[in-house]
Amino acid sequence: MAGYWLLKTEPDCYSFADLEREGATVWDGVSNNAALKHLRAMQLGDQAFIYHTGDERQAIGIAEITSEPYPDPQASKPNLMVVDVRPIRRLPQPVALATVKADPFFADFALVRQGRLSVVPVNAEQWARLCQMAGLGV
């Protein structure tokens, strides 16, 4: 069974458009212990919303996890992990954080409860609701 995630990125540093242009990337830069725990739980074939932080604060696209987690080859700390990702599609309608926070359905969503985490799990019901909000059929 596929898992679902939300990966945050500062669009000025690396945006969904960058991922689309490159076709794949190593998702790195995760150092928070809780976020690393989530990253280590990722599996090949899982899907993730790519969420732009900063002024945008919205889910922009969907990516696929194309590797199992592995040690970051660029890091000096062996506990830092990365995964490979590829773009699947841009969302027809980006989903803003304000819209998510305004919906009581998402009261327990990690994006709302633990807003600082760069990697958060998304359960199947949340994934379906977010896809619906983005204008995608589930």
N, C-alpha and C. Protein backbone atom coordinates (compact mmCIF):
# COMPACT_ATOMS: atom_id res chain seq x y z
N MET A 1 0.84 -1.18 0.00
CA MET A 1 0.00 0.00 0.00
C MET A 1 0.88 1.25 0.00
N ALA A 2 0.57 2.14 -0.89
CA ALA A 2 1.37 3.36 -1.02
C ALA A 2 1.17 4.28 0.17
N GLY A 3 2.23 4.97 0.54
CA GLY A 3 2.15 5.97 1.58
C GLY A 3 2.06 7.35 0.95
N TYR A 4 1.62 8.31 1.76
CA TYR A 4 1.44 9.68 1.28
C TYR A 4 2.16 10.64 2.23
N TRP A 5 2.72 11.68 1.64
CA TRP A 5 3.54 12.63 2.38
C TRP A 5 3.32 14.03 1.86
N LEU A 6 3.84 14.98 2.59
CA LEU A 6 3.92 16.36 2.13
C LEU A 6 5.36 16.81 2.38
N LEU A 7 6.00 17.29 1.33
CA LEU A 7 7.39 17.75 1.39
C LEU A 7 7.40 19.26 1.18
N LYS A 8 7.99 19.97 2.13
CA LYS A 8 8.05 21.42 2.04
C LYS A 8 9.36 21.87 1.40
N THR A 9 9.25 22.93 0.64
CA THR A 9 10.43 23.53 0.04
C THR A 9 10.22 25.03 -0.09
N GLU A 10 11.29 25.77 0.07
CA GLU A 10 11.25 27.21 -0.16
C GLU A 10 11.40 27.41 -1.67
N PRO A 11 10.37 27.95 -2.34
CA PRO A 11 10.42 28.02 -3.80
C PRO A 11 11.57 28.85 -4.36
N ASP A 12 12.10 29.78 -3.57
CA ASP A 12 13.26 30.56 -4.03
C ASP A 12 14.52 29.69 -4.09
N CYS A 13 14.55 28.62 -3.28
CA CYS A 13 15.70 27.70 -3.27
C CYS A 13 15.50 26.54 -4.24
N TYR A 14 14.31 25.92 -4.18
CA TYR A 14 14.00 24.81 -5.08
C TYR A 14 12.49 24.71 -5.18
N SER A 15 11.96 24.92 -6.38
CA SER A 15 10.52 24.95 -6.58
C SER A 15 10.03 23.71 -7.33
N PHE A 16 8.73 23.54 -7.36
CA PHE A 16 8.16 22.44 -8.14
C PHE A 16 8.52 22.61 -9.62
N ALA A 17 8.58 23.85 -10.10
CA ALA A 17 9.00 24.10 -11.49
C ALA A 17 10.42 23.59 -11.73
N ASP A 18 11.30 23.73 -10.74
CA ASP A 18 12.66 23.19 -10.85
C ASP A 18 12.61 21.68 -10.98
N LEU A 19 11.78 21.03 -10.16
CA LEU A 19 11.64 19.58 -10.22
C LEU A 19 11.09 19.15 -11.58
N GLU A 20 10.10 19.87 -12.09
CA GLU A 20 9.55 19.55 -13.41
C GLU A 20 10.64 19.68 -14.49
N ARG A 21 11.41 20.76 -14.43
CA ARG A 21 12.44 21.00 -15.43
C ARG A 21 13.54 19.93 -15.37
N GLU A 22 13.95 19.54 -14.15
CA GLU A 22 15.02 18.56 -13.98
C GLU A 22 14.54 17.13 -14.17
N GLY A 23 13.28 16.87 -13.91
CA GLY A 23 12.73 15.52 -14.10
C GLY A 23 12.93 14.60 -12.91
N ALA A 24 13.84 14.93 -12.01
CA ALA A 24 14.10 14.14 -10.80
C ALA A 24 15.11 14.90 -9.96
N THR A 25 15.11 14.60 -8.66
CA THR A 25 16.09 15.21 -7.78
C THR A 25 16.27 14.35 -6.53
N VAL A 26 17.32 14.64 -5.81
CA VAL A 26 17.55 14.06 -4.49
C VAL A 26 16.91 15.03 -3.50
N TRP A 27 15.95 14.54 -2.69
CA TRP A 27 15.31 15.40 -1.70
C TRP A 27 16.16 15.40 -0.44
N ASP A 28 16.88 16.49 -0.24
CA ASP A 28 17.83 16.57 0.86
C ASP A 28 17.55 17.79 1.72
N GLY A 29 18.41 18.03 2.68
CA GLY A 29 18.29 19.20 3.53
C GLY A 29 17.41 18.99 4.74
N VAL A 30 16.95 17.77 4.97
CA VAL A 30 16.10 17.48 6.13
C VAL A 30 17.01 17.17 7.32
N SER A 31 16.89 17.96 8.39
CA SER A 31 17.74 17.72 9.56
C SER A 31 16.97 17.58 10.86
N ASN A 32 15.71 18.00 10.90
CA ASN A 32 14.90 17.87 12.10
C ASN A 32 14.64 16.38 12.37
N ASN A 33 14.79 15.95 13.62
CA ASN A 33 14.65 14.53 13.95
C ASN A 33 13.27 13.97 13.61
N ALA A 34 12.21 14.71 13.90
CA ALA A 34 10.86 14.23 13.58
C ALA A 34 10.67 14.12 12.06
N ALA A 35 11.15 15.12 11.33
CA ALA A 35 11.03 15.09 9.87
C ALA A 35 11.87 13.94 9.29
N LEU A 36 13.06 13.71 9.87
CA LEU A 36 13.90 12.59 9.42
C LEU A 36 13.22 11.25 9.68
N LYS A 37 12.53 11.14 10.79
CA LYS A 37 11.79 9.90 11.09
C LYS A 37 10.75 9.63 10.00
N HIS A 38 10.04 10.67 9.58
CA HIS A 38 9.06 10.52 8.51
C HIS A 38 9.75 10.15 7.20
N LEU A 39 10.87 10.82 6.91
CA LEU A 39 11.58 10.53 5.66
C LEU A 39 12.06 9.08 5.64
N ARG A 40 12.54 8.59 6.78
CA ARG A 40 13.00 7.20 6.85
C ARG A 40 11.88 6.19 6.65
N ALA A 41 10.63 6.62 6.88
CA ALA A 41 9.48 5.73 6.71
C ALA A 41 8.98 5.68 5.26
N MET A 42 9.52 6.52 4.40
CA MET A 42 9.09 6.54 3.00
C MET A 42 9.50 5.26 2.30
N GLN A 43 8.68 4.89 1.31
CA GLN A 43 8.96 3.69 0.53
C GLN A 43 8.88 4.01 -0.96
N LEU A 44 9.57 3.24 -1.73
CA LEU A 44 9.54 3.36 -3.18
C LEU A 44 8.10 3.33 -3.66
N GLY A 45 7.70 4.31 -4.47
CA GLY A 45 6.35 4.37 -5.01
C GLY A 45 5.39 5.22 -4.21
N ASP A 46 5.79 5.66 -3.01
CA ASP A 46 4.94 6.58 -2.25
C ASP A 46 4.78 7.88 -3.04
N GLN A 47 3.74 8.63 -2.70
CA GLN A 47 3.52 9.91 -3.35
C GLN A 47 3.57 11.03 -2.32
N ALA A 48 3.93 12.22 -2.80
CA ALA A 48 4.07 13.37 -1.91
C ALA A 48 3.58 14.64 -2.58
N PHE A 49 2.86 15.43 -1.82
CA PHE A 49 2.57 16.79 -2.26
C PHE A 49 3.85 17.59 -2.10
N ILE A 50 4.15 18.43 -3.08
CA ILE A 50 5.24 19.38 -2.95
C ILE A 50 4.60 20.71 -2.55
N TYR A 51 5.04 21.20 -1.40
CA TYR A 51 4.43 22.37 -0.77
C TYR A 51 5.44 23.51 -0.74
N HIS A 52 5.04 24.65 -1.29
CA HIS A 52 5.91 25.83 -1.27
C HIS A 52 5.68 26.61 0.02
N THR A 53 6.76 26.87 0.74
CA THR A 53 6.70 27.66 1.97
C THR A 53 6.84 29.14 1.63
N GLY A 54 7.20 29.93 2.62
CA GLY A 54 7.42 31.36 2.39
C GLY A 54 6.11 32.08 2.14
N ASP A 55 6.13 32.99 1.19
CA ASP A 55 4.94 33.78 0.89
C ASP A 55 3.82 32.96 0.25
N GLU A 56 4.16 31.86 -0.41
CA GLU A 56 3.14 31.07 -1.12
C GLU A 56 2.29 30.23 -0.18
N ARG A 57 2.91 29.42 0.65
CA ARG A 57 2.22 28.54 1.60
C ARG A 57 1.07 27.77 0.95
N GLN A 58 1.44 26.93 -0.02
CA GLN A 58 0.44 26.13 -0.71
C GLN A 58 1.07 24.91 -1.37
N ALA A 59 0.26 23.85 -1.45
CA ALA A 59 0.67 22.66 -2.19
C ALA A 59 0.55 22.97 -3.67
N ILE A 60 1.61 22.66 -4.41
CA ILE A 60 1.72 23.04 -5.81
C ILE A 60 1.62 21.84 -6.75
N GLY A 61 2.21 20.71 -6.34
CA GLY A 61 2.27 19.56 -7.24
C GLY A 61 2.40 18.26 -6.47
N ILE A 62 2.43 17.17 -7.24
CA ILE A 62 2.58 15.83 -6.67
C ILE A 62 3.83 15.20 -7.27
N ALA A 63 4.58 14.54 -6.39
CA ALA A 63 5.80 13.84 -6.81
C ALA A 63 5.73 12.39 -6.34
N GLU A 64 6.56 11.56 -6.94
CA GLU A 64 6.68 10.16 -6.55
C GLU A 64 8.03 9.93 -5.91
N ILE A 65 8.05 9.14 -4.85
CA ILE A 65 9.31 8.73 -4.22
C ILE A 65 9.87 7.59 -5.07
N THR A 66 11.06 7.77 -5.62
CA THR A 66 11.61 6.79 -6.56
C THR A 66 12.80 6.00 -6.00
N SER A 67 13.01 6.12 -4.68
CA SER A 67 14.06 5.32 -4.05
C SER A 67 13.66 5.06 -2.61
N GLU A 68 14.29 4.09 -2.03
CA GLU A 68 14.20 3.91 -0.58
C GLU A 68 15.07 5.00 0.04
N PRO A 69 14.82 5.38 1.29
CA PRO A 69 15.70 6.35 1.95
C PRO A 69 17.13 5.82 2.02
N TYR A 70 18.09 6.73 1.86
CA TYR A 70 19.50 6.34 1.96
C TYR A 70 20.29 7.50 2.56
N PRO A 71 21.47 7.19 3.13
CA PRO A 71 22.27 8.26 3.75
C PRO A 71 22.62 9.35 2.74
N ASP A 72 22.53 10.59 3.19
CA ASP A 72 22.84 11.73 2.34
C ASP A 72 24.33 11.70 1.98
N PRO A 73 24.66 11.52 0.70
CA PRO A 73 26.08 11.44 0.33
C PRO A 73 26.82 12.76 0.49
N GLN A 74 26.09 13.87 0.62
CA GLN A 74 26.73 15.18 0.77
C GLN A 74 26.89 15.61 2.22
N ALA A 75 26.32 14.84 3.16
CA ALA A 75 26.31 15.25 4.56
C ALA A 75 27.45 14.63 5.35
N SER A 76 27.89 15.36 6.35
CA SER A 76 28.94 14.82 7.22
C SER A 76 28.35 13.98 8.35
N LYS A 77 27.07 14.15 8.62
CA LYS A 77 26.41 13.37 9.68
C LYS A 77 25.76 12.14 9.07
N PRO A 78 26.06 10.95 9.57
CA PRO A 78 25.52 9.72 8.97
C PRO A 78 24.02 9.52 9.19
N ASN A 79 23.42 10.27 10.12
CA ASN A 79 21.99 10.08 10.37
C ASN A 79 21.10 10.85 9.38
N LEU A 80 21.69 11.75 8.59
CA LEU A 80 20.91 12.51 7.62
C LEU A 80 20.59 11.64 6.41
N MET A 81 19.31 11.61 6.05
CA MET A 81 18.85 10.74 4.98
C MET A 81 18.24 11.56 3.85
N VAL A 82 18.16 10.94 2.68
CA VAL A 82 17.54 11.55 1.50
C VAL A 82 16.71 10.50 0.78
N VAL A 83 15.85 10.95 -0.13
CA VAL A 83 15.15 10.08 -1.06
C VAL A 83 15.22 10.73 -2.43
N ASP A 84 15.03 9.94 -3.45
CA ASP A 84 14.93 10.47 -4.81
C ASP A 84 13.45 10.68 -5.13
N VAL A 85 13.15 11.77 -5.82
CA VAL A 85 11.77 12.06 -6.20
C VAL A 85 11.71 12.47 -7.67
N ARG A 86 10.53 12.26 -8.27
CA ARG A 86 10.28 12.74 -9.63
C ARG A 86 8.90 13.38 -9.64
N PRO A 87 8.70 14.37 -10.50
CA PRO A 87 7.39 15.02 -10.55
C PRO A 87 6.36 14.10 -11.21
N ILE A 88 5.14 14.14 -10.71
CA ILE A 88 4.03 13.44 -11.36
C ILE A 88 3.16 14.45 -12.10
N ARG A 89 2.70 15.47 -11.37
CA ARG A 89 1.87 16.48 -12.03
C ARG A 89 1.74 17.71 -11.15
N ARG A 90 1.52 18.81 -11.81
CA ARG A 90 1.22 20.07 -11.13
C ARG A 90 -0.27 20.03 -10.76
N LEU A 91 -0.61 20.57 -9.62
CA LEU A 91 -2.01 20.61 -9.21
C LEU A 91 -2.76 21.62 -10.06
N PRO A 92 -3.96 21.24 -10.57
CA PRO A 92 -4.75 22.19 -11.36
C PRO A 92 -5.09 23.45 -10.55
N GLN A 93 -5.28 23.25 -9.24
CA GLN A 93 -5.62 24.34 -8.34
C GLN A 93 -4.77 24.16 -7.08
N PRO A 94 -3.76 25.01 -6.87
CA PRO A 94 -2.96 24.89 -5.65
C PRO A 94 -3.85 24.95 -4.40
N VAL A 95 -3.42 24.24 -3.36
CA VAL A 95 -4.18 24.20 -2.11
C VAL A 95 -3.42 25.01 -1.06
N ALA A 96 -4.02 26.12 -0.66
CA ALA A 96 -3.38 27.04 0.28
C ALA A 96 -3.49 26.54 1.71
N LEU A 97 -2.46 26.83 2.50
CA LEU A 97 -2.47 26.48 3.92
C LEU A 97 -3.68 27.08 4.62
N ALA A 98 -4.04 28.30 4.30
CA ALA A 98 -5.19 28.95 4.94
C ALA A 98 -6.47 28.16 4.70
N THR A 99 -6.62 27.60 3.50
CA THR A 99 -7.80 26.79 3.18
C THR A 99 -7.81 25.51 4.00
N VAL A 100 -6.65 24.90 4.14
CA VAL A 100 -6.53 23.66 4.94
C VAL A 100 -6.84 23.96 6.40
N LYS A 101 -6.27 25.02 6.94
CA LYS A 101 -6.48 25.37 8.34
C LYS A 101 -7.94 25.72 8.63
N ALA A 102 -8.65 26.25 7.64
CA ALA A 102 -10.05 26.64 7.82
C ALA A 102 -11.00 25.45 7.81
N ASP A 103 -10.53 24.29 7.39
CA ASP A 103 -11.37 23.09 7.29
C ASP A 103 -11.19 22.23 8.53
N PRO A 104 -12.24 22.06 9.36
CA PRO A 104 -12.12 21.25 10.57
C PRO A 104 -11.68 19.81 10.32
N PHE A 105 -11.88 19.32 9.11
CA PHE A 105 -11.45 17.97 8.74
C PHE A 105 -9.94 17.79 8.99
N PHE A 106 -9.19 18.86 8.84
CA PHE A 106 -7.73 18.79 8.93
C PHE A 106 -7.18 19.17 10.31
N ALA A 107 -8.01 19.19 11.34
CA ALA A 107 -7.57 19.59 12.67
C ALA A 107 -6.39 18.75 13.18
N ASP A 108 -6.36 17.46 12.82
CA ASP A 108 -5.27 16.59 13.29
C ASP A 108 -4.15 16.41 12.26
N PHE A 109 -4.22 17.12 11.15
CA PHE A 109 -3.22 17.01 10.10
C PHE A 109 -1.90 17.60 10.60
N ALA A 110 -0.81 16.88 10.40
CA ALA A 110 0.51 17.32 10.87
C ALA A 110 0.90 18.68 10.29
N LEU A 111 0.45 19.01 9.09
CA LEU A 111 0.75 20.32 8.51
C LEU A 111 0.17 21.44 9.38
N VAL A 112 -0.97 21.18 9.98
CA VAL A 112 -1.63 22.15 10.84
C VAL A 112 -1.05 22.10 12.26
N ARG A 113 -0.86 20.90 12.79
CA ARG A 113 -0.41 20.73 14.18
C ARG A 113 1.08 20.98 14.37
N GLN A 114 1.89 20.59 13.39
CA GLN A 114 3.35 20.71 13.48
C GLN A 114 3.88 21.46 12.27
N GLY A 115 3.47 22.70 12.17
CA GLY A 115 3.73 23.52 10.98
C GLY A 115 5.18 23.71 10.59
N ARG A 116 6.11 23.47 11.51
CA ARG A 116 7.52 23.70 11.19
C ARG A 116 8.19 22.51 10.53
N LEU A 117 7.54 21.33 10.57
CA LEU A 117 8.18 20.14 9.99
C LEU A 117 8.24 20.21 8.47
N SER A 118 9.36 19.82 7.91
CA SER A 118 9.53 19.87 6.45
C SER A 118 9.06 18.60 5.75
N VAL A 119 8.82 17.54 6.51
CA VAL A 119 8.29 16.29 5.96
C VAL A 119 7.17 15.85 6.90
N VAL A 120 5.96 15.74 6.37
CA VAL A 120 4.84 15.32 7.22
C VAL A 120 4.05 14.20 6.53
N PRO A 121 3.56 13.26 7.33
CA PRO A 121 2.73 12.20 6.76
C PRO A 121 1.34 12.73 6.43
N VAL A 122 0.72 12.12 5.43
CA VAL A 122 -0.64 12.44 5.02
C VAL A 122 -1.39 11.12 4.99
N ASN A 123 -2.47 10.98 5.75
CA ASN A 123 -3.20 9.71 5.68
C ASN A 123 -4.06 9.65 4.42
N ALA A 124 -4.58 8.49 4.10
CA ALA A 124 -5.31 8.29 2.84
C ALA A 124 -6.52 9.21 2.71
N GLU A 125 -7.24 9.42 3.81
CA GLU A 125 -8.42 10.30 3.77
C GLU A 125 -8.01 11.75 3.53
N GLN A 126 -6.94 12.19 4.19
CA GLN A 126 -6.44 13.55 3.98
C GLN A 126 -5.96 13.71 2.54
N TRP A 127 -5.25 12.70 2.04
CA TRP A 127 -4.75 12.75 0.66
C TRP A 127 -5.92 12.92 -0.31
N ALA A 128 -6.96 12.11 -0.13
CA ALA A 128 -8.12 12.18 -1.02
C ALA A 128 -8.78 13.56 -0.95
N ARG A 129 -8.92 14.09 0.25
CA ARG A 129 -9.56 15.40 0.41
C ARG A 129 -8.71 16.50 -0.21
N LEU A 130 -7.39 16.45 -0.02
CA LEU A 130 -6.51 17.44 -0.63
C LEU A 130 -6.53 17.35 -2.16
N CYS A 131 -6.56 16.14 -2.68
CA CYS A 131 -6.66 15.97 -4.14
C CYS A 131 -7.96 16.57 -4.67
N GLN A 132 -9.04 16.34 -3.93
CA GLN A 132 -10.33 16.90 -4.32
C GLN A 132 -10.27 18.43 -4.30
N MET A 133 -9.68 19.00 -3.26
CA MET A 133 -9.55 20.45 -3.13
C MET A 133 -8.69 21.02 -4.27
N ALA A 134 -7.75 20.22 -4.77
CA ALA A 134 -6.85 20.65 -5.84
C ALA A 134 -7.47 20.48 -7.22
N GLY A 135 -8.67 19.93 -7.27
CA GLY A 135 -9.32 19.74 -8.57
C GLY A 135 -8.96 18.46 -9.26
N LEU A 136 -8.44 17.49 -8.50
CA LEU A 136 -8.08 16.19 -9.06
C LEU A 136 -9.13 15.16 -8.69
N GLY A 137 -9.45 14.27 -9.60
CA GLY A 137 -10.28 13.13 -9.24
C GLY A 137 -9.43 12.15 -8.46
N VAL A 138 -10.03 11.45 -7.53
CA VAL A 138 -9.24 10.53 -6.69
C VAL A 138 -9.30 9.12 -7.25
